[in-house]
Protein backbone atom coordinates (compact mmCIF):
# COMPACT_ATOMS: atom_id res chain seq x y z
CA MET A 1 -35.34 51.73 46.98
CA ASN A 2 -38.86 50.34 47.36
CA ALA A 3 -41.39 51.29 50.02
CA ALA A 4 -40.81 48.21 52.19
CA THR A 5 -37.07 48.88 52.37
CA ARG A 6 -37.68 52.52 53.31
CA TRP A 7 -40.13 51.43 55.98
CA LEU A 8 -37.66 48.95 57.46
CA ARG A 9 -34.84 51.52 57.39
CA TRP A 10 -37.18 53.95 59.15
CA ALA A 11 -37.76 51.20 61.75
CA LEU A 12 -34.03 50.97 62.44
CA GLY A 13 -33.93 54.73 62.95
CA LEU A 14 -36.90 54.56 65.30
CA LEU A 15 -35.24 51.75 67.27
CA ALA A 16 -32.01 53.76 67.51
CA ALA A 17 -33.98 56.77 68.74
CA MET A 18 -35.70 54.58 71.34
CA CYS A 19 -32.30 53.33 72.54
CA LEU A 20 -31.07 56.89 72.98
CA ILE A 21 -34.24 57.99 74.79
CA ASP A 22 -34.12 54.96 77.10
CA ILE A 23 -30.43 55.50 77.88
CA ALA A 24 -31.08 59.16 78.68
CA THR A 25 -34.02 58.17 80.90
CA CYS A 26 -31.89 55.58 82.67
CA THR A 27 -28.98 57.97 83.23
CA ILE A 28 -31.12 60.76 84.63
CA GLY A 29 -33.47 58.48 86.58
CA VAL A 30 -30.75 56.37 88.22
CA GLY A 31 -28.93 59.53 89.29
CA LEU A 32 -32.12 60.86 90.86
CA ALA A 33 -33.00 57.51 92.45
CA ASN A 34 -29.59 57.14 94.08
CA ALA A 35 -29.96 60.58 95.67
CA ARG A 36 -33.30 59.74 97.34
CA PRO A 37 -34.44 57.62 100.26
CA VAL A 38 -35.27 53.98 99.54
CA ARG A 39 -39.06 54.43 99.39
CA GLU A 40 -38.89 57.35 96.96
CA ALA A 41 -36.18 55.63 94.92
CA GLY A 42 -38.34 52.53 94.57
CA ALA A 43 -41.27 54.58 93.32
CA LEU A 44 -39.00 56.36 90.84
CA VAL A 45 -37.57 53.07 89.55
CA MET A 46 -41.08 51.69 89.04
CA MET A 47 -42.01 54.84 87.11
CA MET A 48 -38.90 54.41 84.97
CA LEU A 49 -39.80 50.80 84.17
CA GLY A 50 -43.31 51.92 83.25
CA THR A 51 -41.84 54.64 81.05
CA TYR A 52 -39.67 52.11 79.18
CA LEU A 53 -42.71 49.92 78.62
CA LEU A 54 -44.97 52.76 77.46
CA LEU A 55 -42.31 54.16 75.12
CA GLY A 56 -41.78 50.73 73.60
CA LEU A 57 -45.51 50.21 73.06
CA ALA A 58 -45.90 53.69 71.58
CA ALA A 59 -42.98 53.09 69.21
CA THR A 60 -44.45 49.76 68.13
CA ALA A 61 -47.85 51.36 67.51
CA LEU A 62 -46.20 54.13 65.49
CA PHE A 63 -44.22 51.52 63.56
CA TRP A 64 -47.38 49.50 62.82
CA ARG A 65 -49.37 52.58 61.80
CA ARG A 66 -46.60 53.93 59.59
CA GLY A 67 -46.45 50.60 57.74
CA ARG A 68 -50.16 50.34 57.02
CA ALA A 69 -49.52 50.79 53.29
CA GLN A 70 -47.19 47.77 53.25
CA ASP A 71 -48.08 44.24 52.31
CA ALA A 72 -49.58 42.35 55.26
CA GLY A 73 -46.79 39.75 55.31
CA ILE A 74 -43.87 42.18 55.50
CA ARG A 75 -45.79 44.36 57.94
CA THR A 76 -46.43 41.41 60.27
CA VAL A 77 -42.87 40.07 60.08
CA GLY A 78 -41.41 43.56 60.53
CA THR A 79 -43.63 44.27 63.51
CA ILE A 80 -42.73 40.96 65.16
CA ALA A 81 -39.04 41.73 64.70
CA PHE A 82 -39.59 45.24 66.06
CA LEU A 83 -41.46 43.85 69.10
CA ILE A 84 -38.65 41.41 69.80
CA ALA A 85 -36.10 44.23 69.57
CA GLN A 86 -38.22 46.41 71.87
CA GLY A 87 -38.57 43.52 74.33
CA LEU A 88 -34.81 43.00 74.42
CA LEU A 89 -34.28 46.74 74.87
CA PHE A 90 -36.83 46.79 77.71
CA ALA A 91 -35.14 43.84 79.43
CA PHE A 92 -31.68 45.38 79.10
CA MET A 93 -32.80 48.82 80.30
CA SER A 94 -34.72 47.30 83.23
CA LEU A 95 -31.68 45.33 84.29
CA ALA A 96 -29.44 48.37 83.90
CA THR A 97 -31.84 50.45 85.99
CA LEU A 98 -32.11 47.90 88.77
CA LEU A 99 -28.35 47.32 88.89
CA GLY A 100 -27.60 51.02 88.73
CA THR A 101 -29.66 52.01 91.75
CA HIS A 102 -27.34 50.35 94.30
CA ARG A 103 -30.28 49.15 96.43
């Protein structure tokens, strides 16, 4: 297996880890938000959305940095694909959070 394949397989693992972290954040955060008054719940939901965004950006930066030894073409294409996946994950988790808060 060459270095580019290992890097892309590592990316899939990182994306899977991000999914698990985001799902755990959503589960815990929605439970806490539903148990609070509307004003506090709104602040908590906004913090959760910010957390999803920051985690996605941190994962993308880690992905880009880890692939610095790769060819520029595969690194760029891989990072674009990773950003699209992170954007879809962010959109799904944001929707799940907003629908789960019953507000």
